Amino acid sequence: MSTLTVPPVPPSPRDDAIQLYRAFKGFGCDSEAVVNIIAHRDATQRALIQQEYRTMYSEDLLKRLSSELSGKLEKAVLLWMHDPAGRDAIIVKQSLSGDTHNLEAGSEIICSRTPAQIQTLKQIYYSMFGVYVERDIEYHTSGDHSKRYICLRHRTWSIGEGSLVCFAFPAELRPSSTLLQCRNSLGSETSNSANDGSATTVGEGRDGSDGGARERSEREKDVVPAVEVGCGSRQRWGERSRAHLAAIDSAYHDMYGTSLKKAVKSETSGKFELALLTILQCALNPAKYFAKVLHKAMKGLGTDDMTLTRVVVTRAEMDMQYIKGEYHRKHHKTLNDAVRSETSGHYRSFLLSLLGPNH
């Protein structure tokens, strides 16, 4: 559920463009006026404002915002001005190159989006940067990062908006024997999968051990996130619907006495572990996952403003209300209060505007 608040009868894009132009005039920029407009318009309205501004003043609004704003506010506003797919493309691009090299951010985008969203991202990425995202990923990553990102190129897609991003390996990375396999084929995507023996056998060492850190590196080579489904077809772990993956998680716990999350942690490490856990957690409870990311960004000395901005901006029009609920339930403090205590100035005002009322 979105936390974005839009006026019941918002001004026309032309009126907004005029007000923004006035905010830019004179000595300095009226940042408060910019925030009051931009932070209370949805993606369609923001796109129309940009079109109107270019028509009226023969100038790109994003470039003008970049020249008028600065620091954390500038980065947050510019990211917000794009539509969701455009934002995702920019975050992935920045995660792969330049001074903002941050592969965790790109991994979060890829591993938490649906197949339909990934397909749109790929199209937008090419239109914005003139290069296929798969090629950029292969060029800028290696090792764990390459294995994690290469799923964009070697996945098969299940049908329906409820499907998750799959995490699959190409054939050349798949050994003949695997640690992650299915006991039996899965029937339908119903609660029956919780008792049909479909849970995957993550966490079983070759020698019966509990899989210590000494063996993790070697075992990761053998992990193929896959589940056998009816009719003999093979679909990758994470490609199933969220309800189905939740049922598998429950069945795994019943069969082996531990959670699938703990099994992944015991068998994998590093960025590969992060990717698999992101897929699993976003399947079971995405709001809880992002609440945890936000808390981590703000705890301790200093604030990870890049992460804070990314999550608030990308989730405000999606499920931020649920994230706020999970945050309060876990930390007994509202997310608004946490952000208020960790930020300042117009940057604070902008983020709080996106978060909506403090309740």
Protein backbone atom coordinates (compact mmCIF):
# COMPACT_ATOMS: atom_id res chain seq x y z
CA MET A 1 0.00 0.00 0.00
CA SER A 2 1.39 3.37 -1.07
CA THR A 3 2.16 6.18 1.37
CA LEU A 4 2.23 8.86 -1.32
CA THR A 5 -0.23 11.68 -0.60
CA VAL A 6 -1.58 13.52 -3.64
CA PRO A 7 -3.94 16.53 -3.45
CA PRO A 8 -7.58 15.52 -4.05
CA VAL A 9 -7.63 17.96 -6.95
CA PRO A 10 -3.99 18.40 -7.96
CA PRO A 11 -2.93 21.45 -9.98
CA SER A 12 -2.50 20.98 -13.71
CA PRO A 13 0.96 19.97 -14.98
CA ARG A 14 1.20 23.46 -16.50
CA ASP A 15 0.59 25.14 -13.13
CA ASP A 16 3.16 22.86 -11.47
CA ALA A 17 5.70 23.64 -14.19
CA ILE A 18 5.16 27.38 -13.65
CA GLN A 19 5.57 27.06 -9.88
CA LEU A 20 8.77 25.08 -10.29
CA TYR A 21 10.16 27.66 -12.71
CA ARG A 22 9.43 30.39 -10.17
CA ALA A 23 11.15 28.35 -7.46
CA PHE A 24 14.29 28.28 -9.60
CA LYS A 25 14.35 32.02 -10.33
CA GLY A 26 16.35 34.56 -8.40
CA PHE A 27 19.21 33.97 -5.98
CA GLY A 28 19.18 30.36 -4.86
CA CYS A 29 16.44 27.80 -5.17
CA ASP A 30 13.26 27.62 -3.14
CA SER A 31 13.83 23.98 -2.18
CA GLU A 32 10.78 23.91 0.06
CA ALA A 33 8.51 24.79 -2.86
CA VAL A 34 10.15 22.10 -5.00
CA VAL A 35 9.62 19.46 -2.31
CA ASN A 36 6.01 20.50 -1.73
CA ILE A 37 5.25 19.91 -5.40
CA ILE A 38 7.41 16.96 -6.43
CA ALA A 39 6.88 14.86 -3.29
CA HIS A 40 3.10 14.93 -3.73
CA ARG A 41 2.74 13.85 -7.35
CA ASP A 42 2.52 10.29 -8.66
CA ALA A 43 4.59 8.86 -11.50
CA THR A 44 2.12 9.86 -14.22
CA GLN A 45 1.82 13.40 -12.89
CA ARG A 46 5.60 13.78 -12.64
CA ALA A 47 6.00 12.66 -16.24
CA LEU A 48 3.40 15.19 -17.41
CA ILE A 49 5.10 17.97 -15.44
CA GLN A 50 8.38 17.17 -17.18
CA GLN A 51 6.71 17.28 -20.60
CA GLU A 52 4.99 20.58 -19.83
CA TYR A 53 8.16 22.15 -18.46
CA ARG A 54 10.11 21.26 -21.62
CA THR A 55 7.32 22.63 -23.82
CA MET A 56 7.06 25.90 -21.93
CA TYR A 57 10.71 26.66 -21.23
CA SER A 58 12.64 24.55 -23.80
CA GLU A 59 14.61 23.04 -20.96
CA ASP A 60 14.91 19.62 -19.40
CA LEU A 61 13.46 19.67 -15.90
CA LEU A 62 15.81 16.99 -14.60
CA LYS A 63 18.85 18.99 -15.69
CA ARG A 64 17.45 22.11 -14.06
CA LEU A 65 16.76 20.25 -10.83
CA SER A 66 20.31 18.92 -10.89
CA SER A 67 21.71 22.43 -11.24
CA GLU A 68 19.46 23.95 -8.57
CA LEU A 69 19.60 21.26 -5.88
CA SER A 70 22.60 19.63 -4.26
CA GLY A 71 23.71 16.83 -2.01
CA LYS A 72 21.36 14.17 -0.72
CA LEU A 73 18.24 16.12 -1.67
CA GLU A 74 19.36 16.33 -5.28
CA LYS A 75 19.99 12.57 -5.50
CA ALA A 76 16.67 11.72 -3.87
CA VAL A 77 14.59 14.09 -6.01
CA LEU A 78 16.25 13.05 -9.28
CA LEU A 79 15.67 9.37 -8.50
CA TRP A 80 12.04 10.08 -7.58
CA MET A 81 11.34 11.91 -10.84
CA HIS A 82 11.72 8.72 -12.87
CA ASP A 83 9.02 6.09 -13.24
CA PRO A 84 9.59 2.81 -11.33
CA ALA A 85 11.25 0.95 -14.22
CA GLY A 86 13.48 3.91 -15.00
CA ARG A 87 14.54 4.15 -11.37
CA ASP A 88 15.39 0.46 -11.26
CA ALA A 89 17.47 0.78 -14.42
CA ILE A 90 19.39 3.73 -12.99
CA ILE A 91 20.07 1.95 -9.70
CA VAL A 92 21.36 -1.16 -11.49
CA LYS A 93 23.54 0.98 -13.77
CA GLN A 94 25.01 2.90 -10.84
CA SER A 95 25.60 -0.32 -8.94
CA LEU A 96 27.77 -1.63 -11.77
CA SER A 97 29.93 1.38 -12.55
CA GLY A 98 31.62 4.54 -11.40
CA ASP A 99 32.24 5.83 -7.92
CA THR A 100 28.88 4.48 -6.72
CA HIS A 101 29.91 0.85 -7.29
CA ASN A 102 27.39 -0.88 -5.02
CA LEU A 103 26.51 -4.37 -6.17
CA GLU A 104 24.22 -4.96 -3.19
CA ALA A 105 21.84 -2.28 -4.49
CA GLY A 106 21.68 -3.88 -7.93
CA SER A 107 21.19 -7.30 -6.38
CA GLU A 108 18.29 -6.01 -4.30
CA ILE A 109 16.56 -4.62 -7.39
CA ILE A 110 17.00 -7.78 -9.47
CA CYS A 111 16.16 -10.25 -6.71
CA SER A 112 13.10 -8.43 -5.36
CA ARG A 113 11.29 -7.72 -8.63
CA THR A 114 8.76 -9.87 -10.49
CA PRO A 115 9.55 -11.35 -13.92
CA ALA A 116 7.30 -8.74 -15.58
CA GLN A 117 9.17 -5.95 -13.81
CA ILE A 118 12.53 -7.41 -14.84
CA GLN A 119 11.44 -7.61 -18.48
CA THR A 120 10.41 -3.95 -18.39
CA LEU A 121 13.66 -3.03 -16.68
CA LYS A 122 15.65 -4.71 -19.45
CA GLN A 123 13.80 -2.74 -22.12
CA ILE A 124 14.13 0.58 -20.30
CA TYR A 125 17.80 -0.07 -19.52
CA TYR A 126 18.61 -0.47 -23.20
CA SER A 127 16.61 2.62 -24.19
CA MET A 128 18.35 4.74 -21.53
CA PHE A 129 21.94 3.53 -21.84
CA GLY A 130 22.17 1.97 -25.30
CA VAL A 131 23.48 -1.32 -23.98
CA TYR A 132 21.82 -4.54 -22.87
CA VAL A 133 21.80 -4.92 -19.10
CA GLU A 134 23.02 -8.52 -19.44
CA ARG A 135 26.14 -7.32 -21.26
CA ASP A 136 26.80 -4.64 -18.65
CA ILE A 137 26.45 -7.22 -15.90
CA GLU A 138 28.84 -9.66 -17.55
CA TYR A 139 31.37 -6.88 -18.18
CA HIS A 140 31.35 -5.39 -14.68
CA THR A 141 30.95 -8.49 -12.50
CA SER A 142 32.77 -11.72 -11.80
CA GLY A 143 32.73 -14.63 -9.38
CA ASP A 144 29.81 -14.46 -6.94
CA HIS A 145 28.50 -11.31 -8.58
CA SER A 146 28.52 -12.88 -12.03
CA LYS A 147 26.69 -15.99 -10.81
CA ARG A 148 24.10 -13.86 -9.09
CA TYR A 149 23.41 -11.45 -11.92
CA ILE A 150 23.64 -13.89 -14.81
CA CYS A 151 20.13 -15.07 -13.99
CA LEU A 152 18.86 -12.18 -16.09
CA ARG A 153 20.11 -13.93 -19.19
CA HIS A 154 19.50 -17.58 -18.35
CA ARG A 155 16.08 -17.68 -16.74
CA THR A 156 12.77 -19.11 -17.79
CA TRP A 157 9.65 -17.23 -16.84
CA SER A 158 6.58 -18.54 -15.11
CA ILE A 159 3.22 -17.01 -15.89
CA GLY A 160 1.42 -14.51 -13.70
CA GLU A 161 2.15 -11.35 -11.75
CA GLY A 162 2.51 -13.35 -8.55
CA SER A 163 5.65 -15.04 -9.83
CA LEU A 164 9.03 -14.29 -8.39
CA VAL A 165 12.28 -13.47 -10.05
CA CYS A 166 14.00 -16.77 -10.61
CA PHE A 167 17.61 -17.34 -9.71
CA ALA A 168 19.05 -19.88 -12.11
CA PHE A 169 22.40 -20.98 -13.40
CA PRO A 170 23.29 -21.49 -17.05
CA ALA A 171 24.15 -25.00 -18.08
CA GLU A 172 27.91 -24.40 -18.04
CA LEU A 173 27.75 -23.53 -14.33
CA ARG A 174 25.57 -26.51 -13.43
CA PRO A 175 27.40 -29.69 -12.28
CA SER A 176 26.08 -33.18 -12.72
CA SER A 177 25.28 -33.59 -9.01
CA THR A 178 23.61 -31.00 -6.83
CA LEU A 179 23.01 -30.36 -3.19
CA LEU A 180 19.75 -28.59 -3.88
CA GLN A 181 17.27 -30.99 -5.43
CA CYS A 182 13.74 -32.18 -4.87
CA ARG A 183 12.59 -35.30 -3.12
CA ASN A 184 9.56 -35.71 -5.34
CA SER A 185 7.87 -33.78 -8.10
CA LEU A 186 5.53 -31.02 -7.06
CA GLY A 187 1.89 -31.17 -7.94
CA SER A 188 -0.11 -27.96 -7.96
CA GLU A 189 0.81 -24.64 -6.36
CA THR A 190 -1.41 -25.22 -3.34
CA SER A 191 -1.01 -26.04 0.27
CA ASN A 192 -0.61 -29.68 -0.78
CA SER A 193 3.01 -28.91 -1.58
CA ALA A 194 3.59 -28.55 2.14
CA ASN A 195 3.15 -32.30 2.61
CA ASP A 196 4.03 -33.88 -0.71
CA GLY A 197 7.75 -34.17 -0.06
CA SER A 198 8.62 -31.23 -2.29
CA ALA A 199 11.02 -29.49 0.06
CA THR A 200 14.53 -29.04 -1.23
CA THR A 201 17.46 -30.64 0.51
CA VAL A 202 19.61 -27.63 1.27
CA GLY A 203 21.99 -28.13 4.16
CA GLU A 204 22.97 -31.76 3.71
CA GLY A 205 26.73 -32.12 3.52
CA ARG A 206 28.47 -34.70 1.39
CA ASP A 207 29.78 -36.46 4.47
CA GLY A 208 26.74 -35.95 6.66
CA SER A 209 28.30 -32.99 8.44
CA ASP A 210 26.49 -29.76 9.16
CA GLY A 211 28.29 -27.89 6.40
CA GLY A 212 30.97 -25.74 8.05
CA ALA A 213 32.57 -22.69 6.56
CA ARG A 214 35.50 -24.82 5.37
CA GLU A 215 33.27 -26.56 2.79
CA ARG A 216 31.02 -23.65 1.80
CA SER A 217 33.04 -22.38 -1.11
CA GLU A 218 33.11 -25.79 -2.77
CA ARG A 219 29.44 -26.51 -2.05
CA GLU A 220 28.26 -23.26 -3.58
CA LYS A 221 29.45 -24.56 -6.92
CA ASP A 222 27.01 -27.42 -6.58
CA VAL A 223 23.98 -25.45 -5.49
CA VAL A 224 21.31 -25.23 -8.16
CA PRO A 225 18.25 -23.37 -6.97
CA ALA A 226 15.68 -25.59 -8.62
CA VAL A 227 12.53 -27.47 -7.83
CA GLU A 228 11.03 -30.30 -9.80
CA VAL A 229 7.50 -29.61 -10.88
CA GLY A 230 4.77 -31.76 -12.36
CA CYS A 231 5.06 -33.15 -15.89
CA GLY A 232 8.81 -33.50 -15.54
CA SER A 233 9.56 -29.84 -16.25
CA ARG A 234 12.20 -27.98 -14.26
CA GLN A 235 11.65 -24.53 -12.82
CA ARG A 236 14.17 -22.60 -10.78
CA TRP A 237 13.89 -21.83 -7.13
CA GLY A 238 12.33 -18.38 -6.74
CA GLU A 239 10.34 -18.69 -9.94
CA ARG A 240 7.38 -20.19 -8.16
CA SER A 241 4.58 -18.05 -6.76
CA ARG A 242 5.08 -16.48 -3.36
CA ALA A 243 2.47 -18.74 -1.81
CA HIS A 244 4.19 -21.81 -3.21
CA LEU A 245 7.64 -20.82 -2.01
CA ALA A 246 6.17 -20.13 1.42
CA ALA A 247 4.69 -23.65 1.39
CA ILE A 248 8.07 -25.12 0.44
CA ASP A 249 9.69 -23.18 3.28
CA SER A 250 7.14 -24.58 5.71
CA ALA A 251 7.54 -28.12 4.38
CA TYR A 252 11.32 -27.89 4.61
CA HIS A 253 11.05 -26.93 8.26
CA ASP A 254 8.69 -29.82 8.96
CA MET A 255 10.94 -32.32 7.20
CA TYR A 256 14.37 -31.22 8.40
CA GLY A 257 13.71 -29.27 11.58
CA THR A 258 15.25 -26.03 10.35
CA SER A 259 14.17 -23.15 8.17
CA LEU A 260 15.13 -22.81 4.53
CA LYS A 261 16.71 -19.46 5.44
CA LYS A 262 19.06 -21.10 7.94
CA ALA A 263 19.90 -23.83 5.44
CA VAL A 264 20.87 -21.27 2.81
CA LYS A 265 23.06 -19.50 5.37
CA SER A 266 24.80 -22.73 6.28
CA GLU A 267 25.50 -23.76 2.69
CA THR A 268 26.37 -20.45 1.02
CA SER A 269 28.22 -17.25 1.79
CA GLY A 270 28.98 -13.77 0.54
CA LYS A 271 27.02 -12.15 -2.23
CA PHE A 272 25.59 -15.45 -3.41
CA GLU A 273 24.04 -15.98 0.00
CA LEU A 274 22.71 -12.42 -0.01
CA ALA A 275 20.97 -12.94 -3.34
CA LEU A 276 19.28 -16.18 -2.36
CA LEU A 277 18.16 -14.74 0.97
CA THR A 278 16.78 -11.65 -0.76
CA ILE A 279 14.66 -13.81 -3.06
CA LEU A 280 13.42 -15.93 -0.17
CA GLN A 281 12.66 -13.03 2.18
CA CYS A 282 10.94 -10.97 -0.51
CA ALA A 283 8.79 -14.02 -1.24
CA LEU A 284 7.80 -14.67 2.35
CA ASN A 285 7.45 -11.09 3.60
CA PRO A 286 8.80 -8.23 1.45
CA ALA A 287 7.69 -5.58 3.95
CA LYS A 288 9.69 -7.26 6.71
CA TYR A 289 12.72 -7.50 4.44
CA PHE A 290 12.71 -3.80 3.55
CA ALA A 291 12.03 -2.78 7.16
CA LYS A 292 15.18 -4.66 8.10
CA VAL A 293 17.16 -2.97 5.31
CA LEU A 294 15.99 0.45 6.50
CA HIS A 295 16.86 -0.29 10.13
CA LYS A 296 20.33 -1.44 9.14
CA ALA A 297 20.82 1.75 7.11
CA MET A 298 20.07 3.94 10.12
CA LYS A 299 21.49 2.03 13.09
CA GLY A 300 24.81 2.86 14.71
CA LEU A 301 26.98 5.86 13.97
CA GLY A 302 26.16 7.58 10.71
CA THR A 303 23.46 6.81 8.19
CA ASP A 304 23.65 4.93 4.91
CA ASP A 305 21.78 7.63 3.01
CA MET A 306 22.16 5.85 -0.32
CA THR A 307 20.24 2.84 0.98
CA LEU A 308 17.74 4.96 2.91
CA THR A 309 16.96 7.03 -0.17
CA ARG A 310 16.75 4.01 -2.46
CA VAL A 311 14.26 2.09 -0.33
CA VAL A 312 12.04 5.05 0.54
CA VAL A 313 11.90 6.30 -3.05
CA THR A 314 11.37 2.89 -4.70
CA ARG A 315 8.76 1.60 -2.24
CA ALA A 316 6.74 4.77 -1.51
CA GLU A 317 4.34 4.08 -4.38
CA MET A 318 4.24 0.33 -3.73
CA ASP A 319 4.12 -1.09 -0.21
CA MET A 320 5.63 1.48 2.14
CA GLN A 321 2.58 1.41 4.43
CA TYR A 322 3.23 -2.28 5.14
CA ILE A 323 6.95 -1.61 5.60
CA LYS A 324 6.12 1.07 8.17
CA GLY A 325 3.93 -1.40 10.01
CA GLU A 326 6.67 -4.04 10.10
CA TYR A 327 9.22 -1.47 11.23
CA HIS A 328 7.05 -0.32 14.13
CA ARG A 329 6.20 -3.89 15.11
CA LYS A 330 9.89 -4.85 15.26
CA HIS A 331 11.47 -1.72 16.73
CA HIS A 332 8.59 -0.13 18.68
CA LYS A 333 9.28 3.13 16.91
CA THR A 334 7.70 4.62 13.82
CA LEU A 335 9.74 4.73 10.65
CA ASN A 336 8.92 8.44 10.35
CA ASP A 337 10.50 9.12 13.75
CA ALA A 338 13.57 7.08 12.84
CA VAL A 339 14.05 8.99 9.58
CA ARG A 340 13.44 12.31 11.32
CA SER A 341 16.18 11.58 13.85
CA GLU A 342 18.70 10.52 11.18
CA THR A 343 18.19 13.24 8.56
CA SER A 344 17.90 17.01 8.36
CA GLY A 345 16.85 19.96 6.23
CA HIS A 346 14.91 19.68 3.00
CA TYR A 347 16.22 16.15 2.52
CA ARG A 348 14.39 15.16 5.69
CA SER A 349 11.24 16.98 4.56
CA PHE A 350 11.31 15.18 1.23
CA LEU A 351 11.65 11.68 2.70
CA LEU A 352 8.99 12.35 5.34
CA SER A 353 6.63 13.60 2.64
CA LEU A 354 7.04 10.30 0.78
CA LEU A 355 6.49 8.34 4.00
CA GLY A 356 3.16 10.03 4.62
CA PRO A 357 1.46 10.65 8.00
CA ASN A 358 3.28 9.46 11.12
CA HIS A 359 0.97 6.69 12.29
